[in-house]
N, C-alpha and C. Protein backbone atom coordinates (compact mmCIF):
# COMPACT_ATOMS: atom_id res chain seq x y z
N MET A 1 3.93 -36.49 -46.93
CA MET A 1 2.69 -36.19 -47.67
C MET A 1 1.71 -35.45 -46.77
N TRP A 2 1.49 -36.06 -45.63
CA TRP A 2 0.49 -35.47 -44.73
C TRP A 2 1.00 -34.10 -44.28
N LEU A 3 2.33 -33.99 -43.98
CA LEU A 3 2.91 -32.76 -43.53
C LEU A 3 2.79 -31.68 -44.54
N GLY A 4 2.98 -32.06 -45.86
CA GLY A 4 2.89 -31.07 -46.91
C GLY A 4 1.46 -30.55 -46.99
N CYS A 5 0.49 -31.47 -46.90
CA CYS A 5 -0.94 -31.03 -46.96
C CYS A 5 -1.25 -30.05 -45.85
N ALA A 6 -0.72 -30.42 -44.66
CA ALA A 6 -1.02 -29.56 -43.47
C ALA A 6 -0.35 -28.21 -43.65
N ILE A 7 0.84 -28.17 -44.19
CA ILE A 7 1.42 -26.87 -44.41
C ILE A 7 0.73 -26.07 -45.47
N ALA A 8 0.31 -26.78 -46.53
CA ALA A 8 -0.50 -26.07 -47.60
C ALA A 8 -1.77 -25.50 -47.03
N ALA A 9 -2.44 -26.31 -46.17
CA ALA A 9 -3.73 -25.84 -45.60
C ALA A 9 -3.50 -24.69 -44.69
N HIS A 10 -2.37 -24.73 -43.90
CA HIS A 10 -2.05 -23.58 -43.03
C HIS A 10 -1.77 -22.35 -43.77
N GLU A 11 -1.01 -22.49 -44.93
CA GLU A 11 -0.73 -21.32 -45.78
C GLU A 11 -1.97 -20.79 -46.40
N THR A 12 -2.90 -21.65 -46.78
CA THR A 12 -4.16 -21.22 -47.35
C THR A 12 -5.00 -20.45 -46.29
N LEU A 13 -5.05 -21.05 -45.09
CA LEU A 13 -5.78 -20.35 -43.99
C LEU A 13 -5.17 -18.97 -43.66
N ALA A 14 -3.84 -18.95 -43.59
CA ALA A 14 -3.12 -17.73 -43.28
C ALA A 14 -3.35 -16.63 -44.37
N GLY A 15 -3.32 -17.14 -45.61
CA GLY A 15 -3.56 -16.20 -46.70
C GLY A 15 -4.98 -15.71 -46.70
N GLY A 16 -5.90 -16.54 -46.32
CA GLY A 16 -7.30 -16.13 -46.17
C GLY A 16 -7.54 -15.06 -45.11
N LEU A 17 -6.81 -15.32 -43.97
CA LEU A 17 -6.91 -14.39 -42.86
C LEU A 17 -6.31 -13.06 -43.22
N ILE A 18 -5.19 -13.10 -43.91
CA ILE A 18 -4.55 -11.86 -44.33
C ILE A 18 -5.40 -11.11 -45.29
N ALA A 19 -6.04 -11.82 -46.25
CA ALA A 19 -6.90 -11.19 -47.24
C ALA A 19 -8.15 -10.59 -46.49
N ALA A 20 -8.69 -11.37 -45.51
CA ALA A 20 -9.80 -10.84 -44.78
C ALA A 20 -9.47 -9.57 -44.02
N ALA A 21 -8.29 -9.65 -43.41
CA ALA A 21 -7.81 -8.49 -42.63
C ALA A 21 -7.65 -7.25 -43.54
N GLY A 22 -7.08 -7.54 -44.70
CA GLY A 22 -6.87 -6.49 -45.67
C GLY A 22 -8.23 -5.86 -46.13
N ALA A 23 -9.19 -6.76 -46.36
CA ALA A 23 -10.50 -6.28 -46.75
C ALA A 23 -11.15 -5.50 -45.66
N LEU A 24 -11.02 -5.95 -44.41
CA LEU A 24 -11.57 -5.16 -43.31
C LEU A 24 -10.89 -3.81 -43.12
N PHE A 25 -9.59 -3.83 -43.29
CA PHE A 25 -8.89 -2.52 -43.22
C PHE A 25 -9.26 -1.58 -44.30
N GLY A 26 -9.47 -2.16 -45.54
CA GLY A 26 -9.90 -1.34 -46.64
C GLY A 26 -11.31 -0.77 -46.40
N ALA A 27 -12.14 -1.61 -45.88
CA ALA A 27 -13.53 -1.20 -45.52
C ALA A 27 -13.50 -0.10 -44.45
N TRP A 28 -12.65 -0.23 -43.46
CA TRP A 28 -12.50 0.75 -42.42
C TRP A 28 -12.00 2.09 -43.00
N LEU A 29 -11.05 2.04 -43.89
CA LEU A 29 -10.53 3.25 -44.52
C LEU A 29 -11.64 3.93 -45.37
N ALA A 30 -12.43 3.08 -46.06
CA ALA A 30 -13.53 3.63 -46.88
C ALA A 30 -14.58 4.25 -45.99
N PHE A 31 -14.88 3.59 -44.88
CA PHE A 31 -15.93 4.13 -43.98
C PHE A 31 -15.42 5.43 -43.34
N SER A 32 -14.11 5.46 -42.96
CA SER A 32 -13.54 6.68 -42.37
C SER A 32 -13.62 7.83 -43.37
N GLY A 33 -13.24 7.47 -44.64
CA GLY A 33 -13.30 8.50 -45.66
C GLY A 33 -14.72 9.03 -45.88
N LEU A 34 -15.65 8.07 -45.80
CA LEU A 34 -17.01 8.50 -46.03
C LEU A 34 -17.52 9.37 -44.85
N LYS A 35 -17.16 9.02 -43.64
CA LYS A 35 -17.51 9.85 -42.50
C LYS A 35 -16.89 11.28 -42.61
N GLU A 36 -15.61 11.28 -43.10
CA GLU A 36 -14.96 12.60 -43.23
C GLU A 36 -15.64 13.41 -44.33
N GLN A 37 -16.04 12.72 -45.44
CA GLN A 37 -16.67 13.50 -46.49
C GLN A 37 -18.04 14.01 -46.05
N ILE A 38 -18.75 13.16 -45.27
CA ILE A 38 -20.07 13.61 -44.81
C ILE A 38 -19.92 14.81 -43.88
N ALA A 39 -18.89 14.80 -43.02
CA ALA A 39 -18.64 15.97 -42.15
C ALA A 39 -18.32 17.15 -42.96
N ILE A 40 -17.48 16.99 -43.96
CA ILE A 40 -17.11 18.16 -44.84
C ILE A 40 -18.33 18.69 -45.55
N ASP A 41 -19.17 17.80 -46.07
CA ASP A 41 -20.42 18.25 -46.74
C ASP A 41 -21.34 18.94 -45.80
N GLN A 42 -21.46 18.45 -44.55
CA GLN A 42 -22.29 19.12 -43.56
C GLN A 42 -21.78 20.50 -43.26
N GLN A 43 -20.48 20.61 -43.09
CA GLN A 43 -19.86 21.90 -42.77
C GLN A 43 -20.01 22.85 -43.95
N ASN A 44 -19.88 22.36 -45.17
CA ASN A 44 -20.09 23.24 -46.37
C ASN A 44 -21.52 23.71 -46.44
N THR A 45 -22.49 22.81 -46.13
CA THR A 45 -23.88 23.17 -46.15
C THR A 45 -24.18 24.27 -45.11
N ARG A 46 -23.58 24.11 -43.92
CA ARG A 46 -23.76 25.15 -42.90
C ARG A 46 -23.16 26.47 -43.33
N THR A 47 -22.01 26.43 -43.95
CA THR A 47 -21.33 27.65 -44.42
C THR A 47 -22.16 28.35 -45.43
N LEU A 48 -22.74 27.58 -46.36
CA LEU A 48 -23.52 28.16 -47.46
C LEU A 48 -24.94 28.58 -47.03
N GLN A 49 -25.54 27.86 -46.06
CA GLN A 49 -26.94 28.14 -45.73
C GLN A 49 -27.07 28.99 -44.46
N ARG A 50 -26.04 29.19 -43.67
CA ARG A 50 -26.22 29.91 -42.41
C ARG A 50 -26.58 31.33 -42.62
N ALA A 51 -27.11 31.91 -41.54
CA ALA A 51 -27.33 33.33 -41.52
C ALA A 51 -25.98 34.05 -41.58
N ARG A 52 -25.89 35.19 -42.23
CA ARG A 52 -24.63 35.93 -42.25
C ARG A 52 -24.95 37.42 -42.31
N ILE A 53 -24.48 38.15 -41.34
CA ILE A 53 -24.83 39.58 -41.24
C ILE A 53 -23.65 40.43 -41.87
N SER A 54 -24.06 41.31 -42.74
CA SER A 54 -23.13 42.35 -43.25
C SER A 54 -23.62 43.68 -42.76
N VAL A 55 -22.65 44.61 -42.65
CA VAL A 55 -23.02 45.95 -42.17
C VAL A 55 -22.54 46.93 -43.27
N GLU A 56 -23.54 47.68 -43.79
CA GLU A 56 -23.31 48.57 -44.93
C GLU A 56 -23.34 50.04 -44.48
N PRO A 57 -22.46 50.86 -44.97
CA PRO A 57 -22.55 52.31 -44.63
C PRO A 57 -23.73 52.98 -45.24
N LEU A 58 -24.34 53.91 -44.51
CA LEU A 58 -25.46 54.67 -45.03
C LEU A 58 -25.18 56.18 -45.02
N GLY A 59 -23.98 56.53 -44.66
CA GLY A 59 -23.62 57.94 -44.77
C GLY A 59 -23.72 58.69 -43.45
N ILE A 60 -23.31 59.94 -43.47
CA ILE A 60 -23.41 60.89 -42.38
C ILE A 60 -24.57 61.79 -42.66
N GLU A 61 -25.52 61.93 -41.68
CA GLU A 61 -26.73 62.70 -41.90
C GLU A 61 -26.95 63.70 -40.74
N PRO A 62 -27.70 64.78 -40.96
CA PRO A 62 -27.88 65.75 -39.89
C PRO A 62 -28.69 65.14 -38.69
N LEU A 63 -28.41 65.62 -37.51
CA LEU A 63 -29.21 65.35 -36.38
C LEU A 63 -29.99 66.62 -36.08
N TYR A 64 -31.31 66.48 -35.94
CA TYR A 64 -32.17 67.65 -35.76
C TYR A 64 -32.58 67.78 -34.27
N SER A 65 -32.61 69.01 -33.85
CA SER A 65 -33.06 69.29 -32.42
C SER A 65 -34.55 69.18 -32.36
N SER A 66 -35.09 69.32 -31.16
CA SER A 66 -36.53 69.25 -30.97
C SER A 66 -37.36 70.20 -31.81
N ASP A 67 -36.74 71.32 -32.13
CA ASP A 67 -37.44 72.32 -32.93
C ASP A 67 -37.03 72.21 -34.42
N GLN A 68 -36.50 71.05 -34.81
CA GLN A 68 -36.17 70.65 -36.20
C GLN A 68 -35.05 71.58 -36.77
N VAL A 69 -34.14 71.94 -35.97
CA VAL A 69 -32.93 72.67 -36.42
C VAL A 69 -31.75 71.75 -36.43
N PRO A 70 -31.06 71.58 -37.52
CA PRO A 70 -29.95 70.64 -37.58
C PRO A 70 -28.81 71.24 -36.70
N ASP A 71 -28.39 70.46 -35.65
CA ASP A 71 -27.35 70.95 -34.76
C ASP A 71 -26.22 70.00 -34.55
N ASN A 72 -26.23 68.81 -35.22
CA ASN A 72 -25.12 67.94 -35.11
C ASN A 72 -25.21 66.95 -36.31
N VAL A 73 -24.32 65.90 -36.26
CA VAL A 73 -24.41 64.87 -37.32
C VAL A 73 -24.42 63.51 -36.63
N LEU A 74 -24.94 62.54 -37.40
CA LEU A 74 -25.04 61.11 -37.00
C LEU A 74 -24.45 60.25 -38.05
N GLY A 75 -23.78 59.17 -37.68
CA GLY A 75 -23.37 58.15 -38.57
C GLY A 75 -24.41 57.06 -38.70
N HIS A 76 -24.74 56.65 -39.92
CA HIS A 76 -25.79 55.68 -40.16
C HIS A 76 -25.17 54.42 -40.83
N VAL A 77 -25.67 53.22 -40.40
CA VAL A 77 -25.30 51.97 -41.00
C VAL A 77 -26.52 51.11 -41.16
N GLN A 78 -26.36 50.03 -41.87
CA GLN A 78 -27.48 49.10 -42.10
C GLN A 78 -27.00 47.71 -41.93
N PHE A 79 -27.64 47.03 -40.96
CA PHE A 79 -27.35 45.56 -40.71
C PHE A 79 -28.26 44.82 -41.70
N ARG A 80 -27.62 43.92 -42.43
CA ARG A 80 -28.41 43.14 -43.44
C ARG A 80 -28.03 41.63 -43.37
N ASN A 81 -29.02 40.79 -43.36
CA ASN A 81 -28.83 39.38 -43.36
C ASN A 81 -28.64 38.88 -44.82
N VAL A 82 -27.43 38.59 -45.25
CA VAL A 82 -27.15 38.20 -46.58
C VAL A 82 -27.06 36.68 -46.70
N GLY A 83 -27.39 35.93 -45.60
CA GLY A 83 -27.34 34.47 -45.63
C GLY A 83 -28.69 33.84 -46.06
N HIS A 84 -28.85 32.53 -45.79
CA HIS A 84 -30.02 31.80 -46.23
C HIS A 84 -30.91 31.28 -45.05
N LEU A 85 -30.59 31.75 -43.90
CA LEU A 85 -31.45 31.39 -42.70
C LEU A 85 -31.64 32.68 -41.87
N PRO A 86 -32.72 32.73 -41.11
CA PRO A 86 -32.89 33.93 -40.27
C PRO A 86 -31.80 34.01 -39.21
N ALA A 87 -31.36 35.23 -38.96
CA ALA A 87 -30.38 35.48 -37.89
C ALA A 87 -31.16 35.69 -36.62
N GLN A 88 -30.93 34.78 -35.60
CA GLN A 88 -31.67 34.81 -34.41
C GLN A 88 -30.86 35.46 -33.31
N ASN A 89 -31.58 36.01 -32.29
CA ASN A 89 -30.98 36.68 -31.17
C ASN A 89 -29.93 37.77 -31.62
N LEU A 90 -30.33 38.46 -32.65
CA LEU A 90 -29.42 39.56 -33.08
C LEU A 90 -29.40 40.60 -32.03
N GLN A 91 -28.23 40.92 -31.49
CA GLN A 91 -27.97 41.84 -30.44
C GLN A 91 -27.05 42.95 -30.90
N LEU A 92 -27.54 44.15 -30.95
CA LEU A 92 -26.80 45.29 -31.54
C LEU A 92 -26.11 46.02 -30.37
N PHE A 93 -24.89 46.40 -30.63
CA PHE A 93 -24.17 47.20 -29.73
C PHE A 93 -24.24 48.70 -30.21
N PRO A 94 -24.22 49.63 -29.28
CA PRO A 94 -24.36 51.02 -29.69
C PRO A 94 -23.30 51.43 -30.78
N VAL A 95 -23.81 52.03 -31.81
CA VAL A 95 -22.92 52.48 -32.92
C VAL A 95 -22.28 53.82 -32.46
N LYS A 96 -20.93 53.91 -32.68
CA LYS A 96 -20.18 55.01 -32.16
C LYS A 96 -19.75 55.93 -33.35
N LEU A 97 -19.57 57.24 -32.98
CA LEU A 97 -19.12 58.20 -33.95
C LEU A 97 -18.02 58.98 -33.38
N LYS A 98 -16.98 59.35 -34.13
CA LYS A 98 -15.82 60.02 -33.58
C LYS A 98 -15.10 60.79 -34.71
N TRP A 99 -14.68 62.02 -34.40
CA TRP A 99 -13.89 62.78 -35.31
C TRP A 99 -12.43 62.43 -35.03
N VAL A 100 -11.62 62.26 -36.14
CA VAL A 100 -10.18 61.97 -36.04
C VAL A 100 -9.40 62.84 -37.01
N ALA A 101 -8.33 63.39 -36.52
CA ALA A 101 -7.48 64.30 -37.36
C ALA A 101 -6.77 63.51 -38.45
N ASP A 102 -6.45 64.20 -39.55
CA ASP A 102 -5.89 63.67 -40.74
C ASP A 102 -4.64 62.86 -40.45
N ASP A 103 -3.81 63.43 -39.59
CA ASP A 103 -2.47 62.78 -39.34
C ASP A 103 -2.52 61.59 -38.38
N LEU A 104 -3.78 61.38 -37.83
CA LEU A 104 -3.90 60.25 -36.86
C LEU A 104 -4.80 59.12 -37.37
N ILE A 105 -5.47 59.37 -38.49
CA ILE A 105 -6.51 58.47 -38.95
C ILE A 105 -5.95 57.04 -39.24
N GLU A 106 -4.82 56.90 -39.87
CA GLU A 106 -4.26 55.63 -40.21
C GLU A 106 -4.00 54.68 -39.04
N ALA A 107 -3.68 55.26 -37.96
CA ALA A 107 -3.36 54.42 -36.74
C ALA A 107 -4.47 54.33 -35.74
N GLU A 108 -5.59 54.96 -36.01
CA GLU A 108 -6.74 55.09 -35.08
C GLU A 108 -7.37 53.61 -34.94
N VAL A 109 -7.47 53.16 -33.70
CA VAL A 109 -8.06 51.79 -33.44
C VAL A 109 -9.37 52.05 -32.66
N PRO A 110 -10.52 51.62 -33.24
CA PRO A 110 -11.77 51.87 -32.56
C PRO A 110 -11.85 51.10 -31.24
N THR A 111 -12.40 51.75 -30.22
CA THR A 111 -12.61 51.10 -28.92
C THR A 111 -13.70 50.11 -29.00
N ASP A 112 -13.72 49.17 -28.05
CA ASP A 112 -14.73 48.19 -27.95
C ASP A 112 -16.01 48.89 -27.46
N VAL A 113 -17.16 48.20 -27.70
CA VAL A 113 -18.47 48.77 -27.36
C VAL A 113 -19.22 47.88 -26.42
N GLY A 114 -20.12 48.47 -25.65
CA GLY A 114 -20.91 47.67 -24.76
C GLY A 114 -22.09 47.08 -25.37
N THR A 115 -22.82 46.23 -24.59
CA THR A 115 -23.91 45.46 -25.18
C THR A 115 -25.23 46.17 -24.89
N GLU A 116 -26.22 45.88 -25.73
CA GLU A 116 -27.63 46.33 -25.50
C GLU A 116 -28.45 45.11 -25.12
N PRO A 117 -29.43 45.31 -24.26
CA PRO A 117 -30.18 44.15 -23.77
C PRO A 117 -31.19 43.61 -24.75
N PHE A 118 -31.44 44.38 -25.80
CA PHE A 118 -32.51 43.97 -26.80
C PHE A 118 -32.00 42.96 -27.77
N LYS A 119 -32.81 41.99 -28.17
CA LYS A 119 -32.48 40.94 -29.09
C LYS A 119 -33.51 40.94 -30.18
N TYR A 120 -33.12 40.72 -31.45
CA TYR A 120 -34.04 40.69 -32.55
C TYR A 120 -33.81 39.40 -33.43
N VAL A 121 -34.79 39.19 -34.32
CA VAL A 121 -34.59 38.20 -35.34
C VAL A 121 -34.61 38.96 -36.64
N LEU A 122 -33.59 38.72 -37.48
CA LEU A 122 -33.44 39.39 -38.73
C LEU A 122 -33.66 38.40 -39.84
N PRO A 123 -34.85 38.46 -40.52
CA PRO A 123 -35.14 37.48 -41.52
C PRO A 123 -34.19 37.52 -42.73
N ILE A 124 -34.28 36.55 -43.61
CA ILE A 124 -33.39 36.47 -44.77
C ILE A 124 -33.55 37.71 -45.54
N GLN A 125 -32.45 38.37 -45.96
CA GLN A 125 -32.37 39.50 -46.75
C GLN A 125 -32.99 40.78 -46.13
N ALA A 126 -33.36 40.70 -44.93
CA ALA A 126 -33.96 41.79 -44.19
C ALA A 126 -32.84 42.83 -43.85
N LYS A 127 -33.24 44.13 -43.80
CA LYS A 127 -32.29 45.21 -43.48
C LYS A 127 -32.75 45.95 -42.21
N MET A 128 -31.83 46.31 -41.41
CA MET A 128 -32.08 47.10 -40.15
C MET A 128 -31.19 48.31 -40.08
N PRO A 129 -31.68 49.50 -40.46
CA PRO A 129 -30.85 50.69 -40.36
C PRO A 129 -30.67 51.16 -38.90
N VAL A 130 -29.50 51.68 -38.57
CA VAL A 130 -29.22 52.02 -37.20
C VAL A 130 -28.37 53.31 -37.26
N GLY A 131 -28.70 54.30 -36.38
CA GLY A 131 -27.92 55.51 -36.28
C GLY A 131 -26.93 55.43 -35.09
N SER A 132 -25.89 56.26 -35.14
CA SER A 132 -24.94 56.23 -34.10
C SER A 132 -25.49 56.84 -32.76
N GLU A 133 -24.99 56.32 -31.69
CA GLU A 133 -25.49 56.79 -30.38
C GLU A 133 -24.68 58.06 -29.93
N THR A 134 -23.41 58.08 -30.21
CA THR A 134 -22.58 59.19 -29.77
C THR A 134 -22.61 60.41 -30.82
N LEU A 135 -22.40 61.56 -30.35
CA LEU A 135 -22.38 62.79 -31.14
C LEU A 135 -20.98 63.37 -31.07
N THR A 136 -20.68 64.16 -32.06
CA THR A 136 -19.41 64.93 -32.02
C THR A 136 -19.57 66.06 -31.06
N SER A 137 -18.45 66.39 -30.43
CA SER A 137 -18.50 67.56 -29.54
C SER A 137 -18.62 68.85 -30.42
N ARG A 138 -18.97 69.94 -29.74
CA ARG A 138 -19.11 71.21 -30.54
C ARG A 138 -17.79 71.59 -31.16
N GLU A 139 -16.73 71.38 -30.53
CA GLU A 139 -15.42 71.72 -31.04
C GLU A 139 -15.12 70.82 -32.26
N ASP A 140 -15.41 69.52 -32.15
CA ASP A 140 -15.13 68.61 -33.31
C ASP A 140 -16.07 68.85 -34.43
N LEU A 141 -17.33 69.27 -34.12
CA LEU A 141 -18.30 69.62 -35.14
C LEU A 141 -17.78 70.78 -36.02
N GLN A 142 -17.14 71.73 -35.36
CA GLN A 142 -16.58 72.82 -36.14
C GLN A 142 -15.47 72.39 -37.11
N LYS A 143 -14.71 71.41 -36.65
CA LYS A 143 -13.65 70.87 -37.47
C LYS A 143 -14.29 70.12 -38.70
N VAL A 144 -15.36 69.38 -38.43
CA VAL A 144 -16.07 68.72 -39.55
C VAL A 144 -16.54 69.75 -40.51
N ILE A 145 -17.19 70.86 -40.00
CA ILE A 145 -17.69 71.90 -40.90
C ILE A 145 -16.59 72.55 -41.70
N ARG A 146 -15.39 72.67 -41.14
CA ARG A 146 -14.23 73.15 -41.86
C ARG A 146 -13.64 72.11 -42.80
N LYS A 147 -14.24 70.98 -42.86
CA LYS A 147 -13.80 69.86 -43.76
C LYS A 147 -12.43 69.38 -43.42
N GLU A 148 -12.14 69.30 -42.08
CA GLU A 148 -10.89 68.72 -41.66
C GLU A 148 -11.03 67.32 -41.15
N GLY A 149 -10.08 66.43 -41.30
CA GLY A 149 -10.08 65.14 -40.74
C GLY A 149 -11.11 64.15 -41.31
N TYR A 150 -11.42 63.18 -40.41
CA TYR A 150 -12.30 62.15 -40.78
C TYR A 150 -13.36 61.91 -39.67
N LEU A 151 -14.46 61.26 -40.07
CA LEU A 151 -15.45 60.75 -39.13
C LEU A 151 -15.37 59.20 -39.15
N LEU A 152 -15.24 58.62 -37.99
CA LEU A 152 -15.32 57.16 -37.89
C LEU A 152 -16.62 56.71 -37.33
N VAL A 153 -17.20 55.69 -37.88
CA VAL A 153 -18.46 55.13 -37.46
C VAL A 153 -18.23 53.62 -37.26
N TRP A 154 -18.38 53.19 -35.98
CA TRP A 154 -18.12 51.79 -35.74
C TRP A 154 -19.02 51.14 -34.70
N GLY A 155 -18.99 49.79 -34.72
CA GLY A 155 -19.90 49.04 -33.73
C GLY A 155 -19.76 47.59 -33.91
N LYS A 156 -20.75 46.83 -33.40
CA LYS A 156 -20.72 45.40 -33.35
C LYS A 156 -22.10 44.83 -33.25
N GLY A 157 -22.25 43.62 -33.75
CA GLY A 157 -23.45 42.91 -33.55
C GLY A 157 -23.18 41.39 -33.35
N THR A 158 -23.95 40.72 -32.54
CA THR A 158 -23.83 39.31 -32.32
C THR A 158 -25.17 38.62 -32.67
N TYR A 159 -25.13 37.38 -33.09
CA TYR A 159 -26.33 36.68 -33.50
C TYR A 159 -26.07 35.15 -33.51
N VAL A 160 -27.15 34.37 -33.67
CA VAL A 160 -27.08 33.01 -33.83
C VAL A 160 -27.37 32.63 -35.33
N ASP A 161 -26.55 31.73 -35.91
CA ASP A 161 -26.56 31.67 -37.36
C ASP A 161 -27.56 30.72 -37.96
N GLY A 162 -28.52 30.16 -37.19
CA GLY A 162 -29.51 29.25 -37.73
C GLY A 162 -29.15 27.80 -37.46
N PHE A 163 -27.89 27.57 -37.16
CA PHE A 163 -27.44 26.23 -36.81
C PHE A 163 -27.01 26.10 -35.35
N GLY A 164 -27.34 27.12 -34.55
CA GLY A 164 -27.06 27.12 -33.18
C GLY A 164 -25.68 27.71 -32.76
N ALA A 165 -24.89 28.18 -33.78
CA ALA A 165 -23.57 28.72 -33.46
C ALA A 165 -23.67 30.25 -33.26
N SER A 166 -23.02 30.75 -32.24
CA SER A 166 -22.95 32.19 -32.00
C SER A 166 -21.91 32.84 -32.94
N ARG A 167 -22.30 33.96 -33.50
CA ARG A 167 -21.49 34.69 -34.46
C ARG A 167 -21.38 36.10 -34.06
N PHE A 168 -20.38 36.82 -34.60
CA PHE A 168 -20.31 38.27 -34.36
C PHE A 168 -19.84 38.96 -35.68
N VAL A 169 -20.14 40.24 -35.73
CA VAL A 169 -19.63 41.08 -36.85
C VAL A 169 -19.24 42.44 -36.23
N LYS A 170 -18.06 42.85 -36.54
CA LYS A 170 -17.55 44.14 -36.15
C LYS A 170 -17.31 45.01 -37.46
N PHE A 171 -17.62 46.28 -37.34
CA PHE A 171 -17.41 47.13 -38.50
C PHE A 171 -16.85 48.44 -38.08
N CYS A 172 -16.16 49.07 -39.00
CA CYS A 172 -15.64 50.42 -38.80
C CYS A 172 -15.52 51.11 -40.14
N HIS A 173 -16.39 52.09 -40.42
CA HIS A 173 -16.31 52.88 -41.63
C HIS A 173 -15.83 54.25 -41.42
N ARG A 174 -15.12 54.80 -42.39
CA ARG A 174 -14.54 56.13 -42.20
C ARG A 174 -14.98 56.99 -43.38
N TYR A 175 -15.18 58.27 -43.05
CA TYR A 175 -15.64 59.22 -44.03
C TYR A 175 -14.72 60.43 -44.01
N PRO A 176 -14.19 60.87 -45.18
CA PRO A 176 -13.39 62.05 -45.20
C PRO A 176 -14.27 63.35 -45.13
N CYS A 177 -13.93 64.19 -44.20
CA CYS A 177 -14.74 65.43 -43.99
C CYS A 177 -14.70 66.39 -45.23
N LYS A 178 -13.64 66.19 -46.05
CA LYS A 178 -13.53 67.07 -47.23
C LYS A 178 -14.70 66.83 -48.16
N ARG A 179 -15.39 65.71 -48.02
CA ARG A 179 -16.55 65.42 -48.79
C ARG A 179 -17.88 65.89 -48.28
N LEU A 180 -17.74 66.73 -47.22
CA LEU A 180 -19.01 67.21 -46.54
C LEU A 180 -19.77 68.16 -47.48
N SER A 181 -21.04 68.04 -47.44
CA SER A 181 -21.94 68.94 -48.17
C SER A 181 -23.01 69.49 -47.29
N GLY A 182 -23.71 70.53 -47.70
CA GLY A 182 -24.79 71.08 -46.86
C GLY A 182 -24.37 72.37 -46.24
N ASP A 183 -25.26 72.86 -45.35
CA ASP A 183 -24.95 74.08 -44.64
C ASP A 183 -25.68 74.11 -43.30
N ALA A 184 -25.59 75.15 -42.55
CA ALA A 184 -26.13 75.22 -41.19
C ALA A 184 -27.65 75.24 -41.20
N GLU A 185 -28.23 75.66 -42.32
CA GLU A 185 -29.71 75.69 -42.41
C GLU A 185 -30.30 74.34 -42.71
N THR A 186 -29.68 73.61 -43.64
CA THR A 186 -30.27 72.35 -44.11
C THR A 186 -29.58 71.16 -43.43
N GLY A 187 -28.46 71.38 -42.76
CA GLY A 187 -27.71 70.28 -42.12
C GLY A 187 -26.56 69.81 -43.01
N TYR A 188 -25.61 69.14 -42.32
CA TYR A 188 -24.43 68.64 -43.04
C TYR A 188 -24.51 67.18 -43.24
N ARG A 189 -23.93 66.70 -44.42
CA ARG A 189 -24.01 65.31 -44.85
C ARG A 189 -22.70 64.90 -45.54
N ILE A 190 -22.42 63.66 -45.45
CA ILE A 190 -21.40 62.99 -46.24
C ILE A 190 -22.05 61.76 -46.91
N SER A 191 -22.07 61.67 -48.22
CA SER A 191 -22.75 60.58 -48.86
C SER A 191 -22.08 59.22 -48.48
N LYS A 192 -22.84 58.24 -48.50
CA LYS A 192 -22.36 56.83 -48.23
C LYS A 192 -21.32 56.42 -49.32
N LYS A 193 -21.36 56.98 -50.52
CA LYS A 193 -20.43 56.63 -51.52
C LYS A 193 -19.01 56.95 -51.22
N TYR A 194 -18.81 57.80 -50.25
CA TYR A 194 -17.51 58.16 -49.77
C TYR A 194 -16.97 57.40 -48.62
N ALA A 195 -17.79 56.45 -48.13
CA ALA A 195 -17.39 55.61 -46.99
C ALA A 195 -16.39 54.61 -47.43
N ARG A 196 -15.45 54.34 -46.55
CA ARG A 196 -14.44 53.29 -46.77
C ARG A 196 -14.28 52.44 -45.51
N TYR A 197 -13.90 51.22 -45.72
CA TYR A 197 -13.64 50.34 -44.55
C TYR A 197 -12.28 50.85 -43.90
N HIS A 198 -12.29 51.07 -42.61
CA HIS A 198 -11.16 51.53 -41.89
C HIS A 198 -10.09 50.41 -41.80
N ASN A 199 -8.83 50.79 -41.48
CA ASN A 199 -7.79 49.84 -41.36
C ASN A 199 -8.01 48.80 -40.22
N PHE A 200 -8.76 49.18 -39.20
CA PHE A 200 -8.99 48.33 -38.05
C PHE A 200 -10.51 48.29 -37.77
N GLY A 201 -10.89 47.29 -37.00
CA GLY A 201 -12.27 47.21 -36.55
C GLY A 201 -13.23 46.54 -37.42
N ASN A 202 -12.78 45.87 -38.52
CA ASN A 202 -13.66 45.13 -39.41
C ASN A 202 -13.31 43.62 -39.34
N GLU A 203 -14.29 42.87 -38.76
CA GLU A 203 -13.97 41.47 -38.46
C GLU A 203 -15.30 40.70 -38.29
N GLN A 204 -15.34 39.44 -38.74
CA GLN A 204 -16.53 38.64 -38.49
C GLN A 204 -16.14 37.14 -38.54
N ASP A 205 -16.97 36.35 -37.94
CA ASP A 205 -16.77 34.86 -38.03
C ASP A 205 -17.92 34.17 -38.63
């Protein structure tokens, strides 16, 4: 009799301990799931609210000499903050311009670019137009005027996304010279509507 009661009490205690352990394990799983969900929500919030820079083509425009005579062309782009926080420490790299022959354009890989020492803050939805630093050679300019090949415009920007994370954006736009308009007196242009994203050189995080 006494032994049976002792066994029953032991079984009851063991069952209670098992139930308690199960409850604790369930609570731990629930807490872990909650922590994971909070982390996911925080990451989603950062993704949605962070600063995000896009680079839009603005076309090929004439470059004027000191006496206002068009003597070359420049590629133009526009950095724009399409996110929901200001982009801090925006550092622009020199925008490059290069003529490329028709039969080489598909495999052309833009070279990397160096850094500029200046840093900016780009407010929400603000735009910053930038022109290319490099010019076409006289020989390549004549090819452009003959409407041969393509013009590549490429570059890079780095910035802080509003949550302390460093970000970058690389771009490379290409323009078919057959879409060239203008003349030697007024200057040569290719409208931004003919710009396309090149096969290489477009990347961001």
